[in-house]
Amino acid sequence: MRDYQAIQSETYDLIVIGGGINGAGVARDAALRGLKTILLEKNDFASGTSSWSTRLVHGGLRYLEYFEFPLVRESLREREVLLRTAPHLVKPLMLTVPVYGGRSRPYWKIWAGMILYDIFSFDKSLLSHRMLPSSKFKQHFRSLDPEKLNGGAQYYDSQVARAERLCLENILDAENAGATVLNYVEVKALHRESDRISHLTCEDKFSEETFTVRGHEKTVVINTSGPWVDLVCQRGVENGTSKPIGSTPHIGGTKGSHIIVDTFPGAPETALYVEAKTDKRPFFIVPWLGQVLIGTTDLRYDGDLDRVKADNDEIDYLLRETNNIIPSAQLTRESVKFTYSGVRPLPNTEGKPGSITRQHILVDGQKDGVQNLISLVGGKLTTYRHVGEEMVNAAFQKMGKTAPPCPTLTRSLPGAVLPNDSIVADTVRKYRDRLSVSTLYHLFELYGAKTQEVLAPIDEIPELSSQITPELPDIKAQIVYSVKSEYACHLIDILRRRTSIAMHCCYGLQTLKAVAEVLHQHGGWSWETLDRQMTEYRTYMEDNCIPDYALSGSRRSSDKLLA
């Protein structure tokens, strides 16, 4: 149980609103530099935009077209940092760019882009690009549409297949450094006294308990709530009366949707970065944990931020354009195993969605009459660490203090398995008689150096070494660990963000009973709570992930899918 009385008795140097990747990075950096920090997230950590990306750690080859050279350089530098500090989560990924005649990017332009990309990544550990003329390209990629195919390029970026765990490890490291981190706590009001935010009224979304988070005369409030930045600013209160902070919206978000399909005939072993045949918009076809991840769209969005879903037209668009590039794929709506959609927290500007800058912006609340507020607009998964460094530096400046050196440039995340570390071999020797090699390998990909902590309970409770479902290598010990050590409060947290079971196994629906039994027996969860959460889980999947075309008919889609 959380001790909100103790929290109310403290005063904090830094209050972070939003527990996505950027908020997690800020909290980690701040705590490591000695600031008394608290992070508040209204849902689960990484449950918003951070969980709905294409799962790439990349420099942004496309940004070169818009002359955003500083952003490309920053991203490529941060890619290298993550390859060093989170090698269990961030791994090199080859991308292939086919070049077709009559599209917006001719062969020479791609070649020039590749050269620039290598120049901006001069300190990289990955291989440089190579260009393939038409004959060689067609020999290597026989399944791609050959019409007007002029060759292509290959280069390396990186993939973080489980982006949610990258966020979580930053949360865990922040807590290890002394930060207080709270999920399922919503900020209801930002109380202003003159030109400063003095305290926040917060609510626990499970218990509905209300409590106060207090600052002091130098406290800084950081708003990293992504697409919800403006909604947070609207919750300003002065003398008991609503007084929103600022009148001009900062966010002009765009919606990006993805689909996941099983591997299909002609699916390449490398990721493809391609132009859609019908509208020339770039999108990715990416191998992802034994499946194929396809996306993304880019559409203006002003709907409900808590219920964002890939619509039928977007799904059909991604299927059609993939089939255009790989005719042998023959993907249909029935091929889709999972969909997800999120809102990019981009600046509120005019222009086509694809042309809006991806450069992050630190908005000083001083222009809206609040001296101790900094809001983040934009921000990419790749650059979160540098965003954290910038925001904490800005916070120290507002406090009138000299910022200590930033430690996150070289500090590894908690699960990092470093070269010459014997932990993998030691763990395999200890557990190989009880667990398959595939399960052990799977656990190290999720937890890295923390794998031994995950497995510790099976020494006393052998049952926890059994698989949750025969189709996947995940074991029951992971369920217990997610609740006791990783802040999981809901079945959605466990199946969607602590593991990726929901994205692999019929939306996770067929595992609900097995997971519930483990939580009841080994986590102390009541059946009343579990029954309610199973219903909420099904509703969540129908509202956010199961395509609308699969919801037709009178039967619940979850029942239809399991039939």
Protein backbone atom coordinates (compact mmCIF):
# COMPACT_ATOMS: atom_id res chain seq x y z
CA MET A 1 0.00 0.00 0.00
CA ARG A 2 1.18 3.52 -0.77
CA ASP A 3 1.72 5.88 2.13
CA TYR A 4 0.14 9.09 0.89
CA GLN A 5 0.40 10.65 4.34
CA ALA A 6 4.18 10.36 4.11
CA ILE A 7 4.12 11.84 0.58
CA GLN A 8 2.04 14.78 1.80
CA SER A 9 4.53 15.50 4.58
CA GLU A 10 7.40 15.89 2.07
CA THR A 11 8.35 18.78 -0.16
CA TYR A 12 9.86 18.02 -3.55
CA ASP A 13 12.46 19.79 -5.64
CA LEU A 14 11.07 18.45 -8.91
CA ILE A 15 7.53 17.30 -9.69
CA VAL A 16 7.21 15.39 -12.97
CA ILE A 17 3.75 14.94 -14.52
CA GLY A 18 3.64 12.08 -17.04
CA GLY A 19 5.29 8.68 -16.87
CA GLY A 20 6.06 8.00 -20.51
CA ILE A 21 9.60 7.65 -21.79
CA ASN A 22 10.38 11.38 -21.49
CA GLY A 23 9.01 11.75 -17.97
CA ALA A 24 10.87 8.61 -16.93
CA GLY A 25 14.08 10.02 -18.40
CA VAL A 26 13.61 13.33 -16.57
CA ALA A 27 12.90 11.62 -13.22
CA ARG A 28 15.92 9.35 -13.57
CA ASP A 29 18.28 12.18 -14.50
CA ALA A 30 16.98 14.45 -11.74
CA ALA A 31 17.19 11.81 -9.00
CA LEU A 32 20.69 10.81 -10.06
CA ARG A 33 21.73 14.47 -9.79
CA GLY A 34 20.42 14.74 -6.25
CA LEU A 35 17.02 16.41 -6.69
CA LYS A 36 14.18 15.15 -4.50
CA THR A 37 11.88 14.01 -7.27
CA ILE A 38 8.36 12.67 -7.60
CA LEU A 39 6.79 11.36 -10.82
CA LEU A 40 3.02 11.14 -11.29
CA GLU A 41 1.37 9.10 -14.07
CA LYS A 42 -2.41 8.94 -14.43
CA ASN A 43 -2.40 5.48 -16.01
CA ASP A 44 0.42 2.96 -16.26
CA PHE A 45 3.99 3.85 -17.12
CA ALA A 46 4.49 3.94 -20.92
CA SER A 47 0.76 3.47 -21.50
CA GLY A 48 0.49 6.43 -23.88
CA THR A 49 2.55 7.43 -26.91
CA SER A 50 5.63 5.57 -25.67
CA SER A 51 3.80 2.29 -26.07
CA TRP A 52 2.44 3.00 -29.56
CA SER A 53 5.58 3.79 -31.60
CA THR A 54 7.18 1.83 -34.45
CA ARG A 55 9.75 0.65 -31.88
CA LEU A 56 12.74 2.04 -33.70
CA VAL A 57 15.75 3.81 -32.22
CA HIS A 58 16.83 5.76 -35.25
CA GLY A 59 18.34 8.96 -36.56
CA GLY A 60 15.36 9.82 -38.74
CA LEU A 61 16.57 9.48 -42.29
CA ARG A 62 13.46 11.34 -43.50
CA TYR A 63 14.31 14.39 -41.38
CA LEU A 64 17.20 15.15 -43.73
CA GLU A 65 14.64 16.19 -46.36
CA TYR A 66 13.42 18.92 -44.05
CA PHE A 67 16.97 20.05 -43.22
CA GLU A 68 16.56 19.11 -39.57
CA PHE A 69 20.25 18.29 -39.34
CA PRO A 70 20.59 18.99 -35.58
CA LEU A 71 17.76 16.54 -34.87
CA VAL A 72 19.38 13.85 -37.02
CA ARG A 73 22.73 14.32 -35.31
CA GLU A 74 21.14 14.30 -31.85
CA SER A 75 19.18 11.14 -32.66
CA LEU A 76 22.18 9.28 -34.07
CA ARG A 77 24.27 10.19 -31.05
CA GLU A 78 21.54 9.01 -28.69
CA ARG A 79 21.15 5.80 -30.67
CA GLU A 80 24.77 5.00 -29.83
CA VAL A 81 24.21 5.82 -26.15
CA LEU A 82 21.31 3.35 -25.98
CA LEU A 83 23.24 0.62 -27.79
CA ARG A 84 25.87 0.92 -25.03
CA THR A 85 23.67 1.43 -21.99
CA ALA A 86 20.70 -0.85 -22.82
CA PRO A 87 22.13 -3.61 -25.04
CA HIS A 88 19.54 -6.15 -23.86
CA LEU A 89 16.70 -3.97 -25.16
CA VAL A 90 18.19 -1.96 -28.03
CA LYS A 91 19.67 -3.97 -30.89
CA PRO A 92 21.05 -3.16 -34.36
CA LEU A 93 18.56 -3.46 -37.20
CA MET A 94 19.27 -3.45 -40.94
CA LEU A 95 16.87 -1.41 -43.03
CA THR A 96 16.44 -1.71 -46.77
CA VAL A 97 15.13 1.13 -48.93
CA PRO A 98 13.87 0.08 -52.38
CA VAL A 99 13.99 2.90 -54.93
CA TYR A 100 11.27 3.03 -57.58
CA GLY A 101 11.08 5.23 -60.64
CA GLY A 102 8.31 7.80 -60.59
CA ARG A 103 8.28 8.11 -56.79
CA SER A 104 9.28 11.19 -54.81
CA ARG A 105 12.75 9.99 -53.90
CA PRO A 106 14.98 9.06 -56.86
CA TYR A 107 18.09 6.90 -56.58
CA TRP A 108 20.51 9.84 -56.40
CA LYS A 109 18.53 11.45 -53.59
CA ILE A 110 18.56 8.28 -51.52
CA TRP A 111 22.29 7.89 -52.15
CA ALA A 112 22.95 11.47 -51.06
CA GLY A 113 20.84 10.87 -47.96
CA MET A 114 22.84 7.76 -47.11
CA ILE A 115 26.12 9.69 -47.36
CA LEU A 116 24.80 12.44 -45.10
CA TYR A 117 23.47 9.87 -42.65
CA ASP A 118 26.92 8.30 -42.37
CA ILE A 119 28.52 11.73 -41.90
CA PHE A 120 26.14 12.64 -39.09
CA SER A 121 26.81 9.26 -37.43
CA PHE A 122 30.60 9.59 -37.68
CA ASP A 123 31.05 8.10 -34.19
CA LYS A 124 28.79 5.10 -34.78
CA SER A 125 29.50 1.48 -33.93
CA LEU A 126 27.21 0.22 -36.71
CA LEU A 127 28.18 -0.48 -40.30
CA SER A 128 27.94 2.21 -42.97
CA HIS A 129 25.44 2.10 -45.83
CA ARG A 130 25.72 0.32 -49.14
CA MET A 131 23.93 1.01 -52.39
CA LEU A 132 22.64 -1.81 -54.60
CA PRO A 133 21.98 -1.25 -58.32
CA SER A 134 18.85 -2.68 -59.86
CA SER A 135 20.24 -6.09 -60.91
CA LYS A 136 21.80 -6.86 -57.53
CA PHE A 137 18.83 -5.52 -55.59
CA LYS A 138 16.37 -7.66 -57.53
CA GLN A 139 18.57 -10.71 -56.95
CA HIS A 140 18.56 -10.15 -53.18
CA PHE A 141 14.88 -9.13 -52.91
CA ARG A 142 12.99 -11.28 -55.38
CA SER A 143 9.64 -10.89 -53.63
CA LEU A 144 9.48 -7.11 -54.05
CA ASP A 145 7.47 -5.52 -56.83
CA PRO A 146 9.94 -5.35 -59.76
CA GLU A 147 8.10 -2.68 -61.77
CA LYS A 148 10.32 0.43 -62.16
CA LEU A 149 12.61 -0.89 -59.40
CA ASN A 150 15.87 1.03 -59.82
CA GLY A 151 17.83 -0.54 -56.96
CA GLY A 152 18.06 0.42 -53.35
CA ALA A 153 20.05 1.19 -50.24
CA GLN A 154 20.82 -0.67 -47.03
CA TYR A 155 21.84 0.89 -43.73
CA TYR A 156 21.69 0.22 -40.01
CA ASP A 157 19.61 1.78 -37.27
CA SER A 158 18.31 0.05 -34.13
CA GLN A 159 15.16 -1.53 -32.77
CA VAL A 160 13.75 -1.54 -29.26
CA ALA A 161 11.24 -4.34 -29.66
CA ARG A 162 9.86 -3.79 -26.17
CA ALA A 163 9.74 -0.01 -25.86
CA GLU A 164 7.61 -0.25 -22.71
CA ARG A 165 10.43 -1.97 -20.86
CA LEU A 166 12.89 0.74 -21.85
CA CYS A 167 10.59 3.21 -20.12
CA LEU A 168 10.15 0.92 -17.12
CA GLU A 169 13.89 0.48 -16.59
CA ASN A 170 14.26 4.27 -16.45
CA ILE A 171 11.48 4.32 -13.85
CA LEU A 172 13.22 1.62 -11.80
CA ASP A 173 16.57 3.41 -11.99
CA ALA A 174 14.91 6.66 -10.93
CA GLU A 175 13.44 4.90 -7.90
CA ASN A 176 16.80 3.32 -7.08
CA ALA A 177 18.27 6.84 -7.09
CA GLY A 178 15.67 8.06 -4.58
CA ALA A 179 12.74 9.24 -6.71
CA THR A 180 9.13 8.54 -5.75
CA VAL A 181 7.32 7.07 -8.77
CA LEU A 182 3.56 6.61 -8.84
CA ASN A 183 1.40 5.14 -11.59
CA TYR A 184 -2.40 5.34 -11.63
CA VAL A 185 -2.24 8.71 -9.88
CA GLU A 186 -3.94 11.58 -11.72
CA VAL A 187 -3.12 15.25 -11.22
CA LYS A 188 -6.47 16.95 -10.69
CA ALA A 189 -5.32 20.51 -9.96
CA LEU A 190 -2.18 22.65 -10.15
CA HIS A 191 -2.55 25.25 -7.41
CA ARG A 192 -1.06 28.65 -8.16
CA GLU A 193 0.09 31.22 -5.66
CA SER A 194 0.96 34.40 -7.53
CA ASP A 195 3.33 33.35 -10.32
CA ARG A 196 4.22 29.88 -9.05
CA ILE A 197 2.66 26.44 -8.71
CA SER A 198 2.77 25.71 -4.98
CA HIS A 199 1.19 22.27 -4.79
CA LEU A 200 -0.80 19.68 -6.72
CA THR A 201 -4.01 17.86 -5.84
CA CYS A 202 -3.78 14.22 -6.92
CA GLU A 203 -6.09 11.21 -6.92
CA ASP A 204 -5.31 7.51 -6.71
CA LYS A 205 -7.38 6.06 -9.56
CA PHE A 206 -7.97 2.74 -7.79
CA SER A 207 -8.76 3.82 -4.23
CA GLU A 208 -10.03 7.31 -5.22
CA GLU A 209 -7.98 8.66 -2.30
CA THR A 210 -7.04 12.32 -2.75
CA PHE A 211 -3.73 13.71 -1.52
CA THR A 212 -1.42 16.69 -1.99
CA VAL A 213 2.07 16.89 -3.48
CA ARG A 214 3.89 19.96 -2.20
CA GLY A 215 6.81 21.99 -3.40
CA HIS A 216 8.91 24.71 -1.81
CA GLU A 217 9.95 28.17 -2.94
CA LYS A 218 12.30 26.78 -5.60
CA THR A 219 10.38 23.72 -6.77
CA VAL A 220 10.04 23.20 -10.52
CA VAL A 221 7.12 21.35 -12.14
CA ILE A 222 7.85 19.42 -15.34
CA ASN A 223 4.95 18.60 -17.67
CA THR A 224 5.90 15.62 -19.83
CA SER A 225 2.37 14.33 -20.35
CA GLY A 226 2.72 14.04 -24.13
CA PRO A 227 -0.57 14.64 -26.00
CA TRP A 228 -2.14 15.58 -22.65
CA VAL A 229 0.17 18.60 -22.08
CA ASP A 230 -2.60 21.13 -22.75
CA LEU A 231 -5.14 19.24 -20.64
CA VAL A 232 -2.73 19.34 -17.69
CA CYS A 233 -2.21 23.09 -18.16
CA GLN A 234 -5.99 23.59 -18.11
CA ARG A 235 -6.07 22.29 -14.54
CA GLY A 236 -4.54 25.39 -13.06
CA VAL A 237 -6.33 26.68 -9.94
CA GLU A 238 -5.89 30.00 -8.06
CA ASN A 239 -7.74 30.88 -4.87
CA GLY A 240 -10.06 27.94 -5.39
CA THR A 241 -11.07 29.07 -8.89
CA SER A 242 -10.09 27.48 -12.17
CA LYS A 243 -7.34 29.44 -13.91
CA PRO A 244 -5.86 27.56 -16.89
CA ILE A 245 -2.19 28.12 -17.61
CA GLY A 246 -2.01 29.73 -21.04
CA SER A 247 -4.71 30.10 -23.66
CA THR A 248 -2.97 28.91 -26.82
CA PRO A 249 -2.72 25.13 -27.34
CA HIS A 250 0.81 23.79 -27.51
CA ILE A 251 -0.07 20.40 -29.02
CA GLY A 252 -1.29 19.70 -32.55
CA GLY A 253 -1.08 15.93 -32.40
CA THR A 254 -1.14 13.50 -35.28
CA LYS A 255 -2.37 9.94 -35.13
CA GLY A 256 -0.12 7.04 -36.07
CA SER A 257 -1.51 3.52 -36.48
CA HIS A 258 0.19 0.14 -36.86
CA ILE A 259 -0.82 -3.41 -37.60
CA ILE A 260 0.89 -6.67 -36.64
CA VAL A 261 0.63 -9.72 -38.88
CA ASP A 262 2.18 -13.17 -38.91
CA THR A 263 5.19 -13.55 -41.18
CA PHE A 264 4.05 -14.06 -44.75
CA PRO A 265 5.34 -15.35 -48.12
CA GLY A 266 8.02 -12.99 -49.38
CA ALA A 267 8.51 -11.21 -46.07
CA PRO A 268 12.13 -9.97 -46.07
CA GLU A 269 14.55 -10.76 -43.27
CA THR A 270 15.52 -7.08 -43.02
CA ALA A 271 13.22 -4.18 -42.22
CA LEU A 272 11.87 -2.30 -45.21
CA TYR A 273 11.57 1.47 -45.34
CA VAL A 274 9.35 2.06 -48.37
CA GLU A 275 7.20 4.61 -50.15
CA ALA A 276 3.53 3.80 -50.52
CA LYS A 277 2.63 3.27 -54.16
CA THR A 278 -0.60 5.27 -54.06
CA ASP A 279 0.42 8.39 -52.12
CA LYS A 280 4.25 8.10 -51.85
CA ARG A 281 4.13 8.34 -48.09
CA PRO A 282 6.99 6.49 -46.33
CA PHE A 283 6.20 3.61 -43.97
CA PHE A 284 7.96 0.64 -42.38
CA ILE A 285 7.61 -3.14 -42.72
CA VAL A 286 9.61 -4.46 -39.78
CA PRO A 287 10.36 -7.98 -38.49
CA TRP A 288 9.24 -7.91 -34.86
CA LEU A 289 9.57 -10.80 -32.41
CA GLY A 290 8.67 -13.45 -35.00
CA GLN A 291 5.89 -11.35 -36.52
CA VAL A 292 5.78 -8.38 -38.87
CA LEU A 293 5.03 -4.83 -37.70
CA ILE A 294 3.66 -2.47 -40.37
CA GLY A 295 3.19 1.27 -39.96
CA THR A 296 2.67 4.04 -39.55
CA THR A 297 -0.05 6.43 -40.69
CA ASP A 298 0.09 10.17 -39.99
CA LEU A 299 -3.27 11.90 -39.62
CA ARG A 300 -4.40 15.01 -37.78
CA TYR A 301 -6.19 14.04 -34.57
CA ASP A 302 -8.42 15.99 -32.20
CA GLY A 303 -10.45 13.16 -30.68
CA ASP A 304 -10.45 11.42 -27.30
CA LEU A 305 -6.81 10.99 -26.24
CA ASP A 306 -7.71 8.11 -23.93
CA ARG A 307 -9.32 6.08 -26.70
CA VAL A 308 -7.24 6.07 -29.87
CA LYS A 309 -7.73 3.24 -32.33
CA ALA A 310 -6.64 2.29 -35.83
CA ASP A 311 -9.72 2.67 -37.99
CA ASN A 312 -10.70 0.36 -40.83
CA ASP A 313 -9.43 2.73 -43.52
CA GLU A 314 -5.98 2.92 -41.93
CA ILE A 315 -5.77 -0.85 -41.62
CA ASP A 316 -6.84 -1.32 -45.23
CA TYR A 317 -4.29 1.29 -46.34
CA LEU A 318 -1.39 -0.50 -44.61
CA LEU A 319 -2.51 -3.88 -45.97
CA ARG A 320 -2.91 -2.55 -49.49
CA GLU A 321 0.42 -0.73 -49.61
CA THR A 322 2.26 -3.74 -48.19
CA ASN A 323 0.69 -5.94 -50.87
CA ASN A 324 1.73 -3.37 -53.50
CA ILE A 325 5.36 -3.61 -52.39
CA ILE A 326 5.32 -7.40 -51.76
CA PRO A 327 2.71 -8.91 -54.12
CA SER A 328 3.21 -12.42 -52.71
CA ALA A 329 2.10 -11.25 -49.25
CA GLN A 330 -1.60 -11.24 -50.19
CA LEU A 331 -2.51 -9.79 -46.79
CA THR A 332 -6.18 -9.44 -45.90
CA ARG A 333 -8.08 -8.19 -42.88
CA GLU A 334 -7.97 -11.73 -41.53
CA SER A 335 -4.14 -11.51 -41.52
CA VAL A 336 -4.20 -8.82 -38.84
CA LYS A 337 -3.32 -10.16 -35.38
CA PHE A 338 -3.11 -6.89 -33.46
CA THR A 339 -3.53 -3.17 -34.10
CA TYR A 340 -2.47 -0.15 -32.13
CA SER A 341 -2.60 3.58 -32.51
CA GLY A 342 -1.26 6.59 -30.66
CA VAL A 343 -1.00 10.37 -30.88
CA ARG A 344 2.30 12.13 -31.48
CA PRO A 345 2.59 15.20 -29.21
CA LEU A 346 3.71 17.50 -32.03
CA PRO A 347 3.67 21.32 -32.02
CA ASN A 348 0.42 23.08 -32.87
CA THR A 349 1.38 24.29 -36.35
CA GLU A 350 -0.07 24.34 -39.85
CA GLY A 351 1.07 22.14 -42.73
CA LYS A 352 0.95 18.52 -43.73
CA PRO A 353 1.34 16.11 -40.77
CA GLY A 354 4.50 14.59 -42.22
CA SER A 355 6.20 17.97 -42.48
CA ILE A 356 5.69 19.00 -38.84
CA THR A 357 8.99 19.08 -36.99
CA ARG A 358 9.90 16.16 -34.75
CA GLN A 359 12.31 18.38 -32.81
CA HIS A 360 11.30 18.68 -29.16
CA ILE A 361 10.50 22.08 -27.67
CA LEU A 362 10.82 23.13 -24.02
CA VAL A 363 7.99 25.57 -23.29
CA ASP A 364 8.75 27.88 -20.37
CA GLY A 365 5.64 28.60 -18.33
CA GLN A 366 6.99 32.07 -17.60
CA LYS A 367 5.35 33.39 -20.78
CA ASP A 368 2.00 32.28 -19.34
CA GLY A 369 2.72 33.81 -15.95
CA VAL A 370 3.99 30.68 -14.17
CA GLN A 371 7.67 30.87 -13.27
CA ASN A 372 8.27 27.28 -12.19
CA LEU A 373 6.65 25.25 -14.99
CA ILE A 374 8.34 23.68 -18.00
CA SER A 375 6.27 21.73 -20.54
CA LEU A 376 7.62 19.40 -23.21
CA VAL A 377 6.20 19.51 -26.72
CA GLY A 378 7.34 16.73 -29.04
CA GLY A 379 10.14 14.34 -28.20
CA LYS A 380 11.10 11.01 -29.72
CA LEU A 381 11.70 7.61 -28.19
CA THR A 382 15.28 7.81 -29.45
CA THR A 383 16.15 11.13 -27.84
CA TYR A 384 14.47 10.76 -24.44
CA ARG A 385 17.76 10.68 -22.50
CA HIS A 386 18.96 13.96 -23.97
CA VAL A 387 15.51 15.50 -23.38
CA GLY A 388 15.84 14.51 -19.73
CA GLU A 389 19.26 16.11 -19.52
CA GLU A 390 18.00 19.35 -21.09
CA MET A 391 14.95 19.58 -18.86
CA VAL A 392 16.87 18.92 -15.66
CA ASN A 393 19.48 21.50 -16.66
CA ALA A 394 16.64 23.98 -17.23
CA ALA A 395 15.16 23.09 -13.83
CA PHE A 396 18.47 23.76 -12.08
CA GLN A 397 18.65 27.11 -13.86
CA LYS A 398 15.17 28.03 -12.64
CA MET A 399 16.22 27.05 -9.12
CA GLY A 400 19.22 29.36 -9.37
CA LYS A 401 21.60 26.45 -8.89
CA THR A 402 24.56 25.13 -10.85
CA ALA A 403 23.66 21.82 -12.45
CA PRO A 404 25.93 18.91 -11.53
CA PRO A 405 27.28 16.81 -14.42
CA CYS A 406 24.69 14.57 -16.09
CA PRO A 407 25.42 10.89 -15.34
CA THR A 408 23.03 9.26 -17.82
CA LEU A 409 25.36 9.57 -20.81
CA THR A 410 27.40 6.62 -19.58
CA ARG A 411 25.26 5.00 -16.87
CA SER A 412 23.77 1.66 -17.92
CA LEU A 413 20.15 0.81 -17.29
CA PRO A 414 19.46 -1.75 -14.52
CA GLY A 415 19.05 -4.73 -16.84
CA ALA A 416 22.09 -4.09 -19.02
CA VAL A 417 24.25 -7.17 -19.56
CA LEU A 418 27.73 -5.84 -20.26
CA PRO A 419 30.55 -7.56 -22.16
CA ASN A 420 32.33 -10.32 -20.22
CA ASP A 421 29.47 -10.50 -17.70
CA SER A 422 29.03 -14.12 -16.62
CA ILE A 423 25.44 -13.73 -15.50
CA VAL A 424 23.95 -15.34 -18.63
CA ALA A 425 26.14 -18.44 -18.46
CA ASP A 426 25.64 -18.73 -14.70
CA THR A 427 21.85 -18.50 -15.02
CA VAL A 428 21.68 -21.03 -17.84
CA ARG A 429 23.75 -23.52 -15.81
CA LYS A 430 21.53 -23.07 -12.78
CA TYR A 431 18.15 -23.37 -14.51
CA ARG A 432 18.71 -25.41 -17.67
CA ASP A 433 17.23 -28.53 -16.06
CA ARG A 434 14.01 -26.68 -15.25
CA LEU A 435 13.57 -24.25 -18.14
CA SER A 436 14.05 -24.50 -21.88
CA VAL A 437 16.85 -22.60 -23.56
CA SER A 438 14.26 -20.61 -25.53
CA THR A 439 12.59 -19.47 -22.30
CA LEU A 440 15.91 -18.47 -20.73
CA TYR A 441 16.89 -16.55 -23.86
CA HIS A 442 13.47 -14.88 -23.90
CA LEU A 443 13.81 -13.81 -20.26
CA PHE A 444 17.21 -12.25 -20.84
CA GLU A 445 15.78 -10.28 -23.76
CA LEU A 446 13.10 -8.86 -21.45
CA TYR A 447 14.91 -8.48 -18.14
CA GLY A 448 18.62 -8.71 -18.92
CA ALA A 449 20.64 -8.79 -15.71
CA LYS A 450 17.39 -8.84 -13.69
CA THR A 451 16.53 -12.33 -14.98
CA GLN A 452 17.85 -14.02 -11.83
CA GLU A 453 15.47 -11.89 -9.74
CA VAL A 454 12.57 -13.01 -11.92
CA LEU A 455 13.53 -16.67 -11.50
CA ALA A 456 14.30 -16.58 -7.77
CA PRO A 457 10.75 -17.60 -6.65
CA ILE A 458 10.80 -20.85 -8.64
CA ASP A 459 13.38 -22.29 -6.23
CA GLU A 460 10.64 -22.39 -3.57
CA ILE A 461 7.59 -22.58 -5.85
CA PRO A 462 8.45 -24.83 -8.83
CA GLU A 463 4.99 -24.28 -10.33
CA LEU A 464 6.04 -20.74 -11.29
CA SER A 465 8.48 -22.14 -13.84
CA SER A 466 5.63 -23.42 -16.04
CA GLN A 467 4.56 -21.56 -19.18
CA ILE A 468 1.56 -19.27 -19.10
CA THR A 469 0.40 -20.61 -22.46
CA PRO A 470 1.99 -23.32 -24.64
CA GLU A 471 2.36 -20.93 -27.60
CA LEU A 472 4.79 -18.59 -25.84
CA PRO A 473 7.95 -18.93 -23.71
CA ASP A 474 6.68 -16.63 -20.93
CA ILE A 475 6.42 -18.26 -17.50
CA LYS A 476 4.25 -17.69 -14.44
CA ALA A 477 7.13 -16.25 -12.40
CA GLN A 478 6.99 -13.19 -14.65
CA ILE A 479 3.45 -12.45 -13.49
CA VAL A 480 4.49 -12.45 -9.84
CA TYR A 481 7.56 -10.36 -10.59
CA SER A 482 5.62 -7.75 -12.54
CA VAL A 483 3.31 -7.15 -9.56
CA LYS A 484 5.86 -7.32 -6.76
CA SER A 485 8.78 -5.53 -8.44
CA GLU A 486 7.51 -3.62 -11.48
CA TYR A 487 4.42 -1.68 -10.33
CA ALA A 488 1.92 -3.70 -12.38
CA CYS A 489 -1.56 -2.98 -11.02
CA HIS A 490 -3.80 -4.35 -13.75
CA LEU A 491 -4.00 -7.29 -16.12
CA ILE A 492 -3.43 -4.81 -18.96
CA ASP A 493 -0.12 -3.79 -17.39
CA ILE A 494 1.06 -7.39 -17.21
CA LEU A 495 -0.05 -8.66 -20.60
CA ARG A 496 0.54 -5.52 -22.66
CA ARG A 497 3.49 -3.66 -21.07
CA ARG A 498 5.47 -5.90 -18.65
CA THR A 499 5.28 -8.65 -21.25
CA SER A 500 4.10 -8.52 -24.86
CA ILE A 501 1.74 -11.49 -24.54
CA ALA A 502 -1.26 -9.43 -25.64
CA MET A 503 0.44 -8.66 -28.95
CA HIS A 504 1.28 -12.29 -29.68
CA CYS A 505 -1.53 -14.44 -28.43
CA CYS A 506 -5.10 -13.60 -29.48
CA TYR A 507 -4.92 -10.20 -27.78
CA GLY A 508 -3.99 -12.05 -24.58
CA LEU A 509 -7.60 -13.15 -24.12
CA GLN A 510 -6.87 -16.86 -23.89
CA THR A 511 -4.31 -16.30 -21.11
CA LEU A 512 -6.59 -14.33 -18.78
CA LYS A 513 -7.72 -17.29 -16.71
CA ALA A 514 -4.20 -18.67 -16.21
CA VAL A 515 -2.83 -15.24 -15.27
CA ALA A 516 -5.73 -14.62 -12.89
CA GLU A 517 -5.14 -17.92 -11.11
CA VAL A 518 -1.47 -17.04 -10.53
CA LEU A 519 -2.38 -13.60 -9.20
CA HIS A 520 -4.99 -15.07 -6.88
CA GLN A 521 -2.73 -17.80 -5.54
CA HIS A 522 0.61 -15.99 -5.41
CA GLY A 523 -0.27 -12.30 -5.54
CA GLY A 524 -3.14 -12.16 -3.07
CA TRP A 525 -5.59 -10.67 -5.59
CA SER A 526 -9.24 -11.42 -4.83
CA TRP A 527 -11.47 -13.10 -7.39
CA GLU A 528 -13.79 -10.10 -7.20
CA THR A 529 -10.93 -7.84 -8.33
CA LEU A 530 -9.82 -10.30 -10.98
CA ASP A 531 -13.31 -10.77 -12.44
CA ARG A 532 -13.69 -7.00 -12.73
CA GLN A 533 -10.25 -6.62 -14.31
CA MET A 534 -10.86 -9.40 -16.83
CA THR A 535 -13.97 -7.54 -17.98
CA GLU A 536 -12.03 -4.27 -18.13
CA TYR A 537 -9.26 -5.99 -20.08
CA ARG A 538 -11.67 -7.24 -22.74
CA THR A 539 -13.24 -3.80 -23.00
CA TYR A 540 -9.82 -2.17 -23.35
CA MET A 541 -8.85 -4.49 -26.18
CA GLU A 542 -12.14 -3.88 -28.01
CA ASP A 543 -11.86 -0.11 -27.57
CA ASN A 544 -8.19 0.20 -28.57
CA CYS A 545 -6.78 -2.84 -30.36
CA ILE A 546 -9.34 -5.18 -31.95
CA PRO A 547 -10.35 -3.82 -35.40
CA ASP A 548 -13.88 -2.47 -35.73
CA TYR A 549 -14.58 -4.87 -38.59
CA ALA A 550 -13.96 -7.74 -36.15
CA LEU A 551 -16.53 -6.38 -33.70
CA SER A 552 -19.58 -6.86 -35.90
CA GLY A 553 -22.36 -9.14 -34.73
CA SER A 554 -24.07 -9.59 -31.41
CA ARG A 555 -21.44 -11.75 -29.73
CA ARG A 556 -18.60 -10.04 -27.90
CA SER A 557 -15.52 -10.03 -30.09
CA SER A 558 -13.47 -11.57 -27.31
CA ASP A 559 -15.81 -14.56 -27.30
CA LYS A 560 -15.72 -14.77 -31.10
CA LEU A 561 -11.93 -14.68 -31.17
CA LEU A 562 -11.67 -17.49 -28.63
CA ALA A 563 -14.33 -19.63 -30.28
